[in-house]
C-alpha atoms as a PDB file:
ATOM      1  CA  MET A   1     -38.421  23.237  27.286  1.00  0.00           C
ATOM      2  CA  ALA A   2     -36.600  26.550  28.231  1.00  0.00           C
ATOM      3  CA  SER A   3     -34.498  26.841  31.464  1.00  0.00           C
ATOM      4  CA  ALA A   4     -34.984  29.350  34.175  1.00  0.00           C
ATOM      5  CA  LEU A   5     -31.727  31.324  33.676  1.00  0.00           C
ATOM      6  CA  GLU A   6     -33.110  31.793  29.867  1.00  0.00           C
ATOM      7  CA  GLU A   7     -36.077  32.486  30.540  1.00  0.00           C
ATOM      8  CA  LEU A   8     -34.610  35.452  32.833  1.00  0.00           C
ATOM      9  CA  GLN A   9     -32.143  36.665  30.352  1.00  0.00           C
ATOM     10  CA  LYS A  10     -35.026  36.883  27.509  1.00  0.00           C
ATOM     11  CA  ASP A  11     -36.852  39.022  30.163  1.00  0.00           C
ATOM     12  CA  LEU A  12     -34.026  41.417  30.301  1.00  0.00           C
ATOM     13  CA  GLU A  13     -33.793  41.857  26.534  1.00  0.00           C
ATOM     14  CA  GLU A  14     -37.180  43.308  26.759  1.00  0.00           C
ATOM     15  CA  ILE A  15     -36.535  45.126  29.713  1.00  0.00           C
ATOM     16  CA  LYS A  16     -33.686  47.056  27.500  1.00  0.00           C
ATOM     17  CA  VAL A  17     -35.832  47.224  24.819  1.00  0.00           C
ATOM     18  CA  LEU A  18     -38.511  49.099  26.570  1.00  0.00           C
ATOM     19  CA  LEU A  19     -36.178  51.824  28.655  1.00  0.00           C
ATOM     20  CA  GLU A  20     -34.688  52.493  25.215  1.00  0.00           C
ATOM     21  CA  LYS A  21     -38.151  53.598  24.234  1.00  0.00           C
ATOM     22  CA  SER A  22     -39.553  54.752  27.515  1.00  0.00           C
ATOM     23  CA  ILE A  23     -39.409  58.680  27.821  1.00  0.00           C
ATOM     24  CA  ARG A  24     -41.094  59.487  30.800  1.00  0.00           C
ATOM     25  CA  LYS A  25     -39.438  59.301  34.090  1.00  0.00           C
ATOM     26  CA  ARG A  26     -41.521  56.941  36.245  1.00  0.00           C
ATOM     27  CA  VAL A  27     -41.222  54.362  33.542  1.00  0.00           C
ATOM     28  CA  CYS A  28     -37.810  54.591  33.414  1.00  0.00           C
ATOM     29  CA  ASP A  29     -36.992  54.414  36.828  1.00  0.00           C
ATOM     30  CA  VAL A  30     -39.975  50.827  37.182  1.00  0.00           C
ATOM     31  CA  LEU A  31     -37.895  49.547  34.025  1.00  0.00           C
ATOM     32  CA  THR A  32     -34.176  49.758  35.864  1.00  0.00           C
ATOM     33  CA  ALA A  33     -35.242  48.561  38.845  1.00  0.00           C
ATOM     34  CA  GLU A  34     -36.505  45.785  37.283  1.00  0.00           C
ATOM     35  CA  LYS A  35     -33.644  45.325  35.389  1.00  0.00           C
ATOM     36  CA  SER A  36     -31.667  45.220  38.599  1.00  0.00           C
ATOM     37  CA  LYS A  37     -33.449  43.074  39.950  1.00  0.00           C
ATOM     38  CA  ILE A  38     -33.253  40.453  36.711  1.00  0.00           C
ATOM     39  CA  GLU A  39     -29.235  41.040  36.691  1.00  0.00           C
ATOM     40  CA  THR A  40     -29.547  39.819  40.182  1.00  0.00           C
ATOM     41  CA  GLU A  41     -31.535  37.153  39.540  1.00  0.00           C
ATOM     42  CA  ILE A  42     -29.165  35.856  36.637  1.00  0.00           C
ATOM     43  CA  LYS A  43     -26.417  36.432  38.628  1.00  0.00           C
ATOM     44  CA  ASN A  44     -27.452  34.275  41.158  1.00  0.00           C
ATOM     45  CA  LYS A  45     -28.444  31.260  38.887  1.00  0.00           C
ATOM     46  CA  MET A  46     -24.712  31.396  37.083  1.00  0.00           C
ATOM     47  CA  GLN A  47     -23.435  31.173  40.212  1.00  0.00           C
ATOM     48  CA  GLN A  48     -25.366  28.282  41.587  1.00  0.00           C
ATOM     49  CA  LYS A  49     -24.702  26.096  38.136  1.00  0.00           C
ATOM     50  CA  SER A  50     -21.284  27.015  38.348  1.00  0.00           C
ATOM     51  CA  GLN A  51     -21.302  25.628  41.955  1.00  0.00           C
ATOM     52  CA  LYS A  52     -22.996  22.164  40.629  1.00  0.00           C
ATOM     53  CA  LYS A  53     -20.711  21.282  38.009  1.00  0.00           C
ATOM     54  CA  PRO A  54     -17.615  20.640  40.218  1.00  0.00           C
ATOM     55  CA  GLU A  55     -20.219  18.429  41.914  1.00  0.00           C
ATOM     56  CA  LEU A  56     -21.232  16.767  39.142  1.00  0.00           C
ATOM     57  CA  ASP A  57     -17.664  16.261  37.857  1.00  0.00           C
ATOM     58  CA  ASN A  58     -16.543  14.130  41.356  1.00  0.00           C
ATOM     59  CA  GLU A  59     -19.301  12.317  40.983  1.00  0.00           C
ATOM     60  CA  LYS A  60     -17.911  10.787  37.534  1.00  0.00           C
ATOM     61  CA  PRO A  61     -15.001   8.462  38.315  1.00  0.00           C
ATOM     62  CA  SER A  62     -17.004   6.901  41.037  1.00  0.00           C
ATOM     63  CA  ALA A  63     -19.483   5.855  38.377  1.00  0.00           C
ATOM     64  CA  MET A  64     -17.241   4.726  36.016  1.00  0.00           C
ATOM     65  CA  VAL A  65     -14.750   3.012  38.103  1.00  0.00           C
ATOM     66  CA  THR A  66     -17.480   0.372  38.653  1.00  0.00           C
ATOM     67  CA  PRO A  67     -17.267  -2.380  35.744  1.00  0.00           C
ATOM     68  CA  ILE A  68     -20.051  -4.413  34.533  1.00  0.00           C
ATOM     69  CA  THR A  69     -18.359  -7.705  35.361  1.00  0.00           C
ATOM     70  CA  THR A  70     -21.088 -10.428  35.362  1.00  0.00           C
ATOM     71  CA  GLY A  71     -22.453 -12.298  32.668  1.00  0.00           C
ATOM     72  CA  TYR A  72     -25.882 -14.174  31.701  1.00  0.00           C
ATOM     73  CA  THR A  73     -26.635 -17.766  30.961  1.00  0.00           C
ATOM     74  CA  VAL A  74     -28.193 -19.068  27.721  1.00  0.00           C
ATOM     75  CA  LYS A  75     -30.388 -22.178  28.140  1.00  0.00           C
ATOM     76  CA  ILE A  76     -29.294 -25.044  25.098  1.00  0.00           C
ATOM     77  CA  ASN A  77     -31.755 -25.874  23.001  1.00  0.00           C
ATOM     78  CA  ASN A  78     -30.369 -27.458  20.128  1.00  0.00           C
ATOM     79  CA  TYR A  79     -28.274 -30.886  20.502  1.00  0.00           C
ATOM     80  CA  GLY A  80     -27.770 -34.125  18.649  1.00  0.00           C
ATOM     81  CA  TRP A  81     -28.245 -37.601  19.828  1.00  0.00           C
ATOM     82  CA  ASP A  82     -27.967 -41.240  19.105  1.00  0.00           C
ATOM     83  CA  GLN A  83     -27.040 -44.362  20.955  1.00  0.00           C
ATOM     84  CA  SER A  84     -25.376 -47.781  20.979  1.00  0.00           C
ATOM     85  CA  ASP A  85     -26.007 -50.560  23.233  1.00  0.00           C
ATOM     86  CA  LYS A  86     -24.457 -49.164  26.185  1.00  0.00           C
ATOM     87  CA  PHE A  87     -24.700 -45.207  25.620  1.00  0.00           C
ATOM     88  CA  VAL A  88     -27.215 -42.975  24.969  1.00  0.00           C
ATOM     89  CA  LYS A  89     -24.845 -39.932  23.637  1.00  0.00           C
ATOM     90  CA  ILE A  90     -25.891 -36.326  23.329  1.00  0.00           C
ATOM     91  CA  TYR A  91     -23.772 -33.840  21.266  1.00  0.00           C
ATOM     92  CA  ILE A  92     -23.680 -29.852  22.014  1.00  0.00           C
ATOM     93  CA  THR A  93     -22.119 -27.826  19.891  1.00  0.00           C
ATOM     94  CA  LEU A  94     -20.226 -24.705  21.891  1.00  0.00           C
ATOM     95  CA  THR A  95     -17.947 -22.806  19.650  1.00  0.00           C
ATOM     96  CA  GLY A  96     -14.766 -22.612  21.694  1.00  0.00           C
ATOM     97  CA  VAL A  97     -15.823 -24.715  24.784  1.00  0.00           C
ATOM     98  CA  HIS A  98     -12.413 -26.978  24.385  1.00  0.00           C
ATOM     99  CA  GLN A  99     -10.389 -24.217  25.297  1.00  0.00           C
ATOM    100  CA  VAL A 100     -11.863 -22.956  28.935  1.00  0.00           C
ATOM    101  CA  PRO A 101     -10.719 -24.656  32.601  1.00  0.00           C
ATOM    102  CA  PRO A 102     -11.953 -28.572  32.464  1.00  0.00           C
ATOM    103  CA  GLU A 103     -13.759 -27.429  36.128  1.00  0.00           C
ATOM    104  CA  ASN A 104     -15.442 -24.921  34.076  1.00  0.00           C
ATOM    105  CA  VAL A 105     -17.579 -27.482  32.293  1.00  0.00           C
ATOM    106  CA  GLN A 106     -20.178 -29.430  34.797  1.00  0.00           C
ATOM    107  CA  VAL A 107     -22.656 -32.417  34.634  1.00  0.00           C
ATOM    108  CA  HIS A 108     -24.713 -33.513  36.906  1.00  0.00           C
ATOM    109  CA  PHE A 109     -26.691 -36.994  36.390  1.00  0.00           C
ATOM    110  CA  THR A 110     -29.543 -38.627  38.332  1.00  0.00           C
ATOM    111  CA  GLU A 111     -31.561 -41.798  37.208  1.00  0.00           C
ATOM    112  CA  ARG A 112     -33.296 -39.918  35.175  1.00  0.00           C
ATOM    113  CA  SER A 113     -32.171 -36.804  33.946  1.00  0.00           C
ATOM    114  CA  PHE A 114     -28.872 -34.765  33.840  1.00  0.00           C
ATOM    115  CA  ASP A 115     -28.259 -30.930  33.660  1.00  0.00           C
ATOM    116  CA  LEU A 116     -24.845 -29.069  31.750  1.00  0.00           C
ATOM    117  CA  LEU A 117     -22.851 -25.922  33.112  1.00  0.00           C
ATOM    118  CA  VAL A 118     -20.160 -24.864  31.052  1.00  0.00           C
ATOM    119  CA  LYS A 119     -19.285 -21.186  32.755  1.00  0.00           C
ATOM    120  CA  ASN A 120     -17.282 -18.297  31.457  1.00  0.00           C
ATOM    121  CA  LEU A 121     -17.378 -19.327  27.960  1.00  0.00           C
ATOM    122  CA  ASN A 122     -16.736 -15.954  26.163  1.00  0.00           C
ATOM    123  CA  GLY A 123     -18.101 -13.836  28.737  1.00  0.00           C
ATOM    124  CA  LYS A 124     -21.445 -16.161  29.380  1.00  0.00           C
ATOM    125  CA  SER A 125     -22.609 -19.259  30.937  1.00  0.00           C
ATOM    126  CA  TYR A 126     -24.506 -21.887  28.849  1.00  0.00           C
ATOM    127  CA  SER A 127     -27.159 -24.331  30.901  1.00  0.00           C
ATOM    128  CA  MET A 128     -29.000 -27.628  29.395  1.00  0.00           C
ATOM    129  CA  ILE A 129     -31.168 -29.247  31.625  1.00  0.00           C
ATOM    130  CA  VAL A 130     -33.054 -32.775  30.386  1.00  0.00           C
ATOM    131  CA  ASN A 131     -35.657 -34.131  32.621  1.00  0.00           C
ATOM    132  CA  ASN A 132     -37.630 -37.728  32.365  1.00  0.00           C
ATOM    133  CA  LEU A 133     -35.027 -39.438  30.782  1.00  0.00           C
ATOM    134  CA  LEU A 134     -37.526 -41.982  28.707  1.00  0.00           C
ATOM    135  CA  LYS A 135     -35.417 -44.724  30.788  1.00  0.00           C
ATOM    136  CA  PRO A 136     -33.449 -45.236  33.768  1.00  0.00           C
ATOM    137  CA  ILE A 137     -29.316 -44.818  33.635  1.00  0.00           C
ATOM    138  CA  SER A 138     -26.290 -45.844  35.346  1.00  0.00           C
ATOM    139  CA  VAL A 139     -25.217 -42.126  37.578  1.00  0.00           C
ATOM    140  CA  ASP A 140     -21.754 -43.827  37.925  1.00  0.00           C
ATOM    141  CA  GLY A 141     -21.388 -44.903  34.763  1.00  0.00           C
ATOM    142  CA  SER A 142     -22.183 -41.856  32.930  1.00  0.00           C
ATOM    143  CA  SER A 143     -19.515 -39.221  31.948  1.00  0.00           C
ATOM    144  CA  LYS A 144     -19.067 -36.644  29.804  1.00  0.00           C
ATOM    145  CA  LYS A 145     -16.127 -35.812  27.260  1.00  0.00           C
ATOM    146  CA  VAL A 146     -15.095 -32.065  25.549  1.00  0.00           C
ATOM    147  CA  LYS A 147     -13.822 -32.238  22.317  1.00  0.00           C
ATOM    148  CA  THR A 148     -13.070 -29.262  19.714  1.00  0.00           C
ATOM    149  CA  ASP A 149     -16.199 -26.805  19.920  1.00  0.00           C
ATOM    150  CA  THR A 150     -18.460 -29.701  21.523  1.00  0.00           C
ATOM    151  CA  VAL A 151     -19.626 -31.396  24.714  1.00  0.00           C
ATOM    152  CA  LEU A 152     -20.530 -35.056  24.460  1.00  0.00           C
ATOM    153  CA  ILE A 153     -22.427 -36.462  27.343  1.00  0.00           C
ATOM    154  CA  LEU A 154     -22.677 -40.489  27.869  1.00  0.00           C
ATOM    155  CA  CYS A 155     -25.581 -41.869  29.900  1.00  0.00           C
ATOM    156  CA  ARG A 156     -24.658 -45.125  30.639  1.00  0.00           C
ATOM    157  CA  LYS A 157     -28.138 -47.289  30.077  1.00  0.00           C
ATOM    158  CA  LYS A 158     -28.806 -49.090  33.241  1.00  0.00           C
ATOM    159  CA  VAL A 159     -30.667 -51.966  30.708  1.00  0.00           C
ATOM    160  CA  GLU A 160     -27.966 -52.577  28.019  1.00  0.00           C
ATOM    161  CA  ASN A 161     -29.207 -53.619  24.527  1.00  0.00           C
ATOM    162  CA  THR A 162     -32.429 -51.985  25.001  1.00  0.00           C
ATOM    163  CA  ARG A 163     -33.398 -49.301  22.424  1.00  0.00           C
ATOM    164  CA  TRP A 164     -34.534 -45.079  22.754  1.00  0.00           C
ATOM    165  CA  ASP A 165     -36.835 -44.560  20.611  1.00  0.00           C
ATOM    166  CA  TYR A 166     -36.995 -41.061  21.943  1.00  0.00           C
ATOM    167  CA  LEU A 167     -34.818 -39.139  24.697  1.00  0.00           C
ATOM    168  CA  THR A 168     -37.668 -37.823  27.165  1.00  0.00           C
ATOM    169  CA  GLN A 169     -40.569 -39.061  28.077  1.00  0.00           C
ATOM    170  CA  VAL A 170     -42.332 -36.009  27.364  1.00  0.00           C
ATOM    171  CA  GLU A 171     -41.133 -36.474  23.451  1.00  0.00           C
ATOM    172  CA  LYS A 172     -42.620 -40.070  23.699  1.00  0.00           C
ATOM    173  CA  ASP A 173     -46.322 -38.763  25.231  1.00  0.00           C
ATOM    174  CA  CYS A 174     -45.883 -35.293  22.457  1.00  0.00           C
ATOM    175  CA  LYS A 175     -45.427 -38.051  19.519  1.00  0.00           C
ATOM    176  CA  GLU A 176     -47.955 -40.679  20.358  1.00  0.00           C
ATOM    177  CA  LYS A 177     -50.619 -37.992  20.927  1.00  0.00           C
ATOM    178  CA  GLU A 178     -50.151 -37.007  17.324  1.00  0.00           C
ATOM    179  CA  LYS A 179     -50.369 -40.381  16.116  1.00  0.00           C
ATOM    180  CA  PRO A 180     -54.425 -41.375  14.865  1.00  0.00           C
ATOM    181  CA  SER A 181     -56.087 -43.619  16.849  1.00  0.00           C
ATOM    182  CA  TYR A 182     -57.226 -47.032  15.485  1.00  0.00           C
ATOM    183  CA  ASP A 183     -60.505 -47.947  17.316  1.00  0.00           C
ATOM    184  CA  THR A 184     -61.774 -51.506  15.852  1.00  0.00           C
ATOM    185  CA  GLU A 185     -65.064 -51.516  16.721  1.00  0.00           C
ATOM    186  CA  ALA A 186     -65.341 -47.837  15.805  1.00  0.00           C
ATOM    187  CA  ASP A 187     -67.338 -46.277  12.660  1.00  0.00           C
ATOM    188  CA  PRO A 188     -65.116 -46.575   9.967  1.00  0.00           C
ATOM    189  CA  SER A 189     -66.191 -43.385   8.874  1.00  0.00           C
ATOM    190  CA  GLU A 190     -65.947 -41.418  11.722  1.00  0.00           C
ATOM    191  CA  GLY A 191     -62.253 -42.109  12.076  1.00  0.00           C
ATOM    192  CA  LEU A 192     -62.008 -40.817   8.636  1.00  0.00           C
ATOM    193  CA  MET A 193     -63.846 -38.040   9.515  1.00  0.00           C
ATOM    194  CA  ASN A 194     -61.587 -37.322  12.273  1.00  0.00           C
ATOM    195  CA  VAL A 195     -58.063 -37.484  10.205  1.00  0.00           C
ATOM    196  CA  LEU A 196     -60.597 -35.275   7.468  1.00  0.00           C
ATOM    197  CA  LYS A 197     -60.747 -33.081  10.061  1.00  0.00           C
ATOM    198  CA  LYS A 198     -57.140 -32.564  11.213  1.00  0.00           C
ATOM    199  CA  ILE A 199     -56.191 -32.215   7.917  1.00  0.00           C
ATOM    200  CA  TYR A 200     -58.670 -29.118   7.445  1.00  0.00           C
ATOM    201  CA  GLU A 201     -57.656 -27.455  10.455  1.00  0.00           C
ATOM    202  CA  ASP A 202     -54.163 -27.956   9.434  1.00  0.00           C
ATOM    203  CA  GLY A 203     -54.310 -27.304   5.840  1.00  0.00           C
ATOM    204  CA  ASP A 204     -53.829 -23.989   3.987  1.00  0.00           C
ATOM    205  CA  ASP A 205     -56.619 -22.139   1.938  1.00  0.00           C
ATOM    206  CA  ASP A 206     -56.176 -24.016  -1.106  1.00  0.00           C
ATOM    207  CA  MET A 207     -56.610 -27.466   1.161  1.00  0.00           C
ATOM    208  CA  LYS A 208     -59.698 -26.098   3.098  1.00  0.00           C
ATOM    209  CA  ARG A 209     -61.388 -25.420  -0.386  1.00  0.00           C
ATOM    210  CA  THR A 210     -60.670 -28.725  -1.731  1.00  0.00           C
ATOM    211  CA  ILE A 211     -62.314 -30.850   1.073  1.00  0.00           C
ATOM    212  CA  ASN A 212     -65.296 -28.287   1.132  1.00  0.00           C
ATOM    213  CA  LYS A 213     -65.917 -29.033  -2.475  1.00  0.00           C
ATOM    214  CA  ALA A 214     -65.343 -32.837  -2.024  1.00  0.00           C
ATOM    215  CA  TRP A 215     -67.898 -32.861   1.405  1.00  0.00           C
ATOM    216  CA  VAL A 216     -70.334 -30.737  -1.152  1.00  0.00           C
ATOM    217  CA  GLU A 217     -69.836 -33.204  -3.370  1.00  0.00           C
ATOM    218  CA  SER A 218     -70.329 -36.248  -1.413  1.00  0.00           C
ATOM    219  CA  ARG A 219     -73.854 -34.775   0.205  1.00  0.00           C
ATOM    220  CA  GLU A 220     -75.153 -33.860  -3.043  1.00  0.00           C
ATOM    221  CA  LYS A 221     -74.767 -37.502  -4.024  1.00  0.00           C
ATOM    222  CA  GLN A 222     -75.454 -39.383  -0.686  1.00  0.00           C
ATOM    223  CA  ALA A 223     -78.878 -36.675  -1.699  1.00  0.00           C
ATOM    224  CA  LYS A 224     -79.405 -38.592  -4.916  1.00  0.00           C
ATOM    225  CA  GLY A 225     -78.690 -41.987  -3.435  1.00  0.00           C
ATOM    226  CA  GLU A 226     -75.447 -42.700  -5.439  1.00  0.00           C
ATOM    227  CA  THR A 227     -73.006 -45.080  -3.244  1.00  0.00           C
ATOM    228  CA  GLU A 228     -69.608 -43.838  -2.810  1.00  0.00           C
ATOM    229  CA  PHE A 229     -66.767 -46.190  -3.346  1.00  0.00           C
END
């Protein structure tokens, strides 16, 4: 979109063309007056523009002298864990973590949780919060170790020589929900149907076609009175 100054300059050029072609005095006078008016407007616009430019130049340094120094926090989702008779050990890989000051690596423990905060590592902070641990831990006996590119969190088991099958209660609950339930008093065919239903829902198109075909053939045999083994 053309600016007001550009539009005035185009008007002025057109007025000049008309003046060159005009013969009658009255028309020439009108065009000359309009030409003077447009030239005055152009002059005023250019003065206004030149006055605004230094103001913008003066504002530039103040906008540039404020550096952005605040980093952001990255949530840690990848980790590994194992256990001994006394400890549950959580391994977090963070490149360069061994080079930050020791006070920048903080871990807070409760009986059923821990949270890790690594500050100012390559301009970022890293956070990991684990709630609802599978079993209680000893807060005083738990600790952390910083090794090359790794933070090791040591959760001291409150009851030693007990095995943790999962790190958290949430993981345990999710896994148990996925396990098929076996009810000895229920109809065996109903349990089979539930298993087939889950396989059908999770399967690809080929699997679904196979199950559909088997279902149709089974119904046809039942209709003929044949017994399936």
